[in-house]
């Protein structure tokens, strides 16, 4: 367990390896590998879309989307677009863009959308004094037009779960229950491997077939999305809880 006794584990790869060892969570994890040019060539043959992400990174910065279109492989970055005839040439370009940093490659998920803009979800949980988890709720994030990351810093906006799924609040209750139960499973798995954690911001995807995926488990999460929750008091409760948790070290 060396290296796991940290309060805020940041490396996406480390967390993926830990959770992929949990049988009840394995089916929720997209196929993920550490980036190598050879590994990329193999992976882009298996999946039509890949996301190539910094192993240590926040707010969607440095994320690249790679996909096949019209017989070519397209790399989209925050600021540009590159097209290649072969996976090998695309891999060379990715290596050039990445440099010496550690990156991971993740199977692309066809997210539910509104007006063609992808949506993912954030679930927030805190550890209570009695070592049980408190589930605060779930909020959606809609990507800005022509963007592929949903983060607020990239123009993403908040959306409530039932709106995101095109349901009434009552129709959405089974989804709320399903996501809450999954959140507790993930929290138990994370706590088992990272005993010092006290916060979780779970980035959840629901694909176009309504299958649920865990994209990432953040251990010092932003919570501004919850300003827009249907419970007007919730944001203040979260902010107070964060102050107490982080004051304790």
Protein backbone atom coordinates (compact mmCIF):
# COMPACT_ATOMS: atom_id res chain seq x y z
CA UNK A 1 0.00 0.00 0.00
CA UNK A 2 3.01 2.28 -0.23
CA UNK A 3 2.08 5.68 -1.63
CA UNK A 4 -1.61 5.29 -0.80
CA UNK A 5 -1.42 6.96 2.63
CA UNK A 6 -2.12 10.39 1.19
CA UNK A 7 -5.12 12.58 1.89
CA UNK A 8 -5.51 14.00 -1.60
CA UNK A 9 -4.40 11.38 -4.13
CA UNK A 10 -4.26 13.22 -7.43
CA UNK A 11 -2.98 10.72 -9.99
CA UNK A 12 -5.81 9.42 -12.15
CA UNK A 13 -3.87 6.24 -12.95
CA UNK A 14 -3.29 5.38 -9.29
CA UNK A 15 -7.00 5.75 -8.51
CA UNK A 16 -8.03 3.76 -11.58
CA UNK A 17 -5.73 0.86 -10.62
CA UNK A 18 -7.08 0.89 -7.06
CA UNK A 19 -10.74 0.85 -8.08
CA UNK A 20 -10.28 -1.66 -10.89
CA UNK A 21 -9.30 -4.13 -8.16
CA UNK A 22 -12.79 -3.81 -6.67
CA UNK A 23 -15.10 -6.35 -8.30
CA UNK A 24 -18.30 -4.38 -7.63
CA UNK A 25 -16.83 -1.30 -9.38
CA UNK A 26 -14.97 -2.79 -12.34
CA UNK A 27 -17.91 -2.62 -14.74
CA UNK A 28 -18.30 1.12 -14.11
CA UNK A 29 -14.73 2.00 -15.17
CA UNK A 30 -13.93 2.94 -18.76
CA UNK A 31 -10.96 1.07 -20.25
CA UNK A 32 -7.94 3.15 -19.19
CA UNK A 33 -4.21 2.83 -19.85
CA UNK A 34 -1.10 4.91 -19.35
CA UNK A 35 -0.15 6.73 -22.54
CA UNK A 36 2.53 5.27 -24.75
CA UNK A 37 2.62 5.71 -28.54
CA UNK A 38 2.42 1.92 -29.05
CA UNK A 39 -0.43 1.59 -26.55
CA UNK A 40 -2.30 4.43 -28.26
CA UNK A 41 -2.12 2.74 -31.66
CA UNK A 42 -3.61 -0.41 -30.13
CA UNK A 43 -6.30 1.44 -28.18
CA UNK A 44 -7.56 3.66 -31.04
CA UNK A 45 -8.17 0.45 -32.99
CA UNK A 46 -10.49 -0.79 -30.21
CA UNK A 47 -12.49 2.39 -29.61
CA UNK A 48 -13.82 5.06 -31.99
CA UNK A 49 -13.08 7.80 -29.43
CA UNK A 50 -10.34 8.21 -26.82
CA UNK A 51 -9.69 10.94 -24.28
CA UNK A 52 -6.04 11.57 -23.54
CA UNK A 53 -5.68 13.29 -20.16
CA UNK A 54 -2.90 14.50 -17.87
CA UNK A 55 -2.39 11.95 -15.09
CA UNK A 56 -2.23 14.92 -12.74
CA UNK A 57 -4.60 17.62 -13.91
CA UNK A 58 -7.60 19.74 -12.95
CA UNK A 59 -10.51 21.57 -14.58
CA UNK A 60 -10.20 19.72 -17.87
CA UNK A 61 -6.91 21.41 -18.71
CA UNK A 62 -4.71 19.56 -21.18
CA UNK A 63 -7.40 17.04 -22.15
CA UNK A 64 -7.37 15.93 -25.80
CA UNK A 65 -10.06 14.10 -27.73
CA UNK A 66 -8.98 11.63 -30.41
CA UNK A 67 -11.42 10.06 -32.85
CA UNK A 68 -11.78 8.54 -36.30
CA UNK A 69 -13.54 10.49 -39.05
CA UNK A 70 -13.63 9.88 -42.79
CA UNK A 71 -10.77 7.40 -42.61
CA UNK A 72 -8.51 9.78 -40.69
CA UNK A 73 -7.58 10.18 -37.04
CA UNK A 74 -8.40 13.57 -35.55
CA UNK A 75 -6.75 15.04 -32.44
CA UNK A 76 -8.65 17.90 -30.84
CA UNK A 77 -6.97 20.04 -28.19
CA UNK A 78 -8.26 23.12 -26.38
CA UNK A 79 -6.79 25.31 -29.11
CA UNK A 80 -6.40 23.23 -32.24
CA UNK A 81 -7.25 20.29 -34.45
CA UNK A 82 -4.88 17.91 -36.20
CA UNK A 83 -5.69 15.21 -38.77
CA UNK A 84 -3.57 12.16 -39.65
CA UNK A 85 -3.80 9.32 -42.13
CA UNK A 86 -2.55 6.70 -39.67
CA UNK A 87 -2.66 5.97 -35.95
CA UNK A 88 1.13 5.87 -35.92
CA UNK A 89 1.44 9.47 -37.13
CA UNK A 90 -1.25 10.55 -34.63
CA UNK A 91 0.72 8.84 -31.85
CA UNK A 92 3.86 10.75 -32.82
CA UNK A 93 1.94 14.05 -32.65
CA UNK A 94 0.43 13.16 -29.28
CA UNK A 95 3.87 12.36 -27.90
CA UNK A 96 5.07 15.74 -29.16
CA UNK A 97 2.12 17.53 -27.53
CA UNK A 98 2.53 15.65 -24.25
CA UNK A 99 6.30 15.96 -23.91
CA UNK A 100 7.64 14.51 -20.67
CA UNK A 101 4.38 14.66 -18.70
CA UNK A 102 2.48 11.55 -17.62
CA UNK A 103 -0.81 11.06 -19.45
CA UNK A 104 -3.52 8.42 -19.46
CA UNK A 105 -5.79 7.25 -22.29
CA UNK A 106 -9.44 6.58 -21.55
CA UNK A 107 -12.14 4.91 -23.62
CA UNK A 108 -14.47 7.60 -24.94
CA UNK A 109 -18.05 7.48 -23.65
CA UNK A 110 -20.95 8.72 -25.81
CA UNK A 111 -22.45 11.05 -23.21
CA UNK A 112 -26.09 12.03 -23.01
CA UNK A 113 -26.53 15.41 -24.66
CA UNK A 114 -28.68 18.51 -24.77
CA UNK A 115 -28.78 20.36 -28.11
CA UNK A 116 -25.71 18.40 -29.18
CA UNK A 117 -23.69 19.42 -26.11
CA UNK A 118 -22.39 16.58 -23.90
CA UNK A 119 -23.31 16.34 -20.21
CA UNK A 120 -21.58 14.64 -17.31
CA UNK A 121 -22.36 14.69 -13.61
CA UNK A 122 -20.71 15.50 -10.28
CA UNK A 123 -21.65 13.68 -7.07
CA UNK A 124 -20.37 15.17 -3.82
CA UNK A 125 -19.64 13.23 -0.64
CA UNK A 126 -17.95 14.08 2.67
CA UNK A 127 -16.75 11.87 5.50
CA UNK A 128 -18.46 12.55 8.81
CA UNK A 129 -16.77 12.49 12.21
CA UNK A 130 -18.16 8.99 12.80
CA UNK A 131 -16.37 7.75 9.63
CA UNK A 132 -19.60 7.37 7.63
CA UNK A 133 -20.09 9.12 4.28
CA UNK A 134 -22.62 11.90 3.71
CA UNK A 135 -24.10 12.08 0.20
CA UNK A 136 -24.91 15.69 -0.74
CA UNK A 137 -26.40 15.10 -4.17
CA UNK A 138 -25.69 15.21 -7.88
CA UNK A 139 -25.47 18.03 -10.42
CA UNK A 140 -24.91 17.93 -14.16
CA UNK A 141 -22.41 19.92 -16.24
CA UNK A 142 -23.20 20.79 -19.87
CA UNK A 143 -20.28 21.51 -22.19
CA UNK A 144 -20.29 24.83 -24.04
CA UNK A 145 -21.03 24.65 -27.79
CA UNK A 146 -18.19 23.01 -29.75
CA UNK A 147 -16.40 22.01 -26.54
CA UNK A 148 -15.76 18.45 -25.40
CA UNK A 149 -15.01 19.13 -21.71
CA UNK A 150 -17.81 20.19 -19.38
CA UNK A 151 -15.78 22.14 -16.81
CA UNK A 152 -17.00 25.60 -15.77
CA UNK A 153 -13.56 27.01 -16.63
CA UNK A 154 -14.17 25.88 -20.24
CA UNK A 155 -17.61 27.46 -20.43
CA UNK A 156 -19.64 24.57 -19.00
CA UNK A 157 -22.88 25.30 -17.16
CA UNK A 158 -24.84 23.60 -14.40
CA UNK A 159 -27.93 21.50 -15.05
CA UNK A 160 -30.10 19.45 -12.70
CA UNK A 161 -30.26 15.69 -13.16
CA UNK A 162 -33.90 15.45 -14.20
CA UNK A 163 -33.48 18.22 -16.79
CA UNK A 164 -30.37 16.51 -18.16
CA UNK A 165 -32.24 13.23 -18.59
CA UNK A 166 -35.42 14.85 -19.90
CA UNK A 167 -37.51 13.55 -16.99
CA UNK A 168 -39.82 14.94 -14.34
CA UNK A 169 -38.47 14.97 -10.79
CA UNK A 170 -40.67 12.02 -9.90
CA UNK A 171 -39.53 10.02 -12.95
CA UNK A 172 -35.94 10.79 -11.96
CA UNK A 173 -36.17 9.27 -8.47
CA UNK A 174 -34.92 5.80 -9.56
CA UNK A 175 -31.90 7.50 -11.16
CA UNK A 176 -31.22 9.45 -7.95
CA UNK A 177 -31.36 6.18 -5.99
CA UNK A 178 -29.10 4.35 -8.46
CA UNK A 179 -26.46 7.11 -8.43
CA UNK A 180 -26.57 7.42 -4.64
CA UNK A 181 -26.01 3.69 -4.20
CA UNK A 182 -23.12 3.75 -6.69
CA UNK A 183 -21.57 6.73 -4.90
CA UNK A 184 -21.47 4.82 -1.61
CA UNK A 185 -19.85 1.82 -3.35
CA UNK A 186 -17.17 4.06 -4.86
CA UNK A 187 -16.63 5.82 -1.53
CA UNK A 188 -16.09 2.48 0.21
CA UNK A 189 -13.64 1.39 -2.49
CA UNK A 190 -11.72 4.66 -2.37
CA UNK A 191 -11.55 4.66 1.45
CA UNK A 192 -10.24 1.09 1.43
CA UNK A 193 -7.30 2.05 -0.81
CA UNK A 194 -6.82 5.65 0.37
CA UNK A 195 -7.65 5.58 4.10
CA UNK A 196 -6.95 9.28 4.71
CA UNK A 197 -9.47 10.74 2.24
CA UNK A 198 -12.35 12.82 3.61
CA UNK A 199 -13.94 14.28 0.45
CA UNK A 200 -15.06 12.90 -2.89
CA UNK A 201 -16.25 14.60 -6.05
CA UNK A 202 -17.23 11.78 -8.40
CA UNK A 203 -17.33 12.60 -12.10
CA UNK A 204 -20.02 10.33 -13.50
CA UNK A 205 -21.03 9.74 -17.12
CA UNK A 206 -24.35 8.42 -18.36
CA UNK A 207 -24.00 7.23 -21.93
CA UNK A 208 -26.53 7.32 -24.76
CA UNK A 209 -27.62 3.79 -23.78
CA UNK A 210 -28.15 5.00 -20.19
CA UNK A 211 -25.21 2.99 -18.83
CA UNK A 212 -23.41 4.64 -15.90
CA UNK A 213 -19.62 5.14 -15.80
CA UNK A 214 -17.14 6.59 -13.29
CA UNK A 215 -14.81 8.96 -15.13
CA UNK A 216 -12.80 10.10 -12.11
CA UNK A 217 -12.88 10.27 -8.30
CA UNK A 218 -11.60 13.67 -7.13
CA UNK A 219 -10.43 13.95 -3.54
CA UNK A 220 -10.35 17.74 -3.13
CA UNK A 221 -13.28 18.63 -5.36
CA UNK A 222 -14.73 21.94 -6.46
CA UNK A 223 -18.38 22.28 -5.41
CA UNK A 224 -19.57 25.53 -7.05
CA UNK A 225 -22.03 23.57 -9.22
CA UNK A 226 -24.15 23.00 -6.14
CA UNK A 227 -25.07 26.70 -6.03
CA UNK A 228 -27.65 25.69 -8.65
CA UNK A 229 -29.10 22.71 -6.75
CA UNK A 230 -32.87 22.66 -6.17
CA UNK A 231 -32.21 22.89 -2.41
CA UNK A 232 -31.25 26.55 -1.88
CA UNK A 233 -29.60 25.79 1.48
CA UNK A 234 -27.39 22.97 0.22
CA UNK A 235 -24.49 25.09 -1.04
CA UNK A 236 -24.02 26.77 2.35
CA UNK A 237 -24.13 23.36 4.06
CA UNK A 238 -21.45 22.03 1.71
CA UNK A 239 -19.26 25.11 2.17
CA UNK A 240 -19.50 24.78 5.95
CA UNK A 241 -18.66 21.06 5.79
CA UNK A 242 -15.65 21.77 3.55
CA UNK A 243 -14.33 24.38 5.99
CA UNK A 244 -14.52 21.91 8.88
CA UNK A 245 -12.98 19.02 6.95
CA UNK A 246 -10.07 21.05 5.58
CA UNK A 247 -9.47 22.82 8.91
CA UNK A 248 -8.75 19.40 10.39
CA UNK A 249 -5.82 19.03 8.03
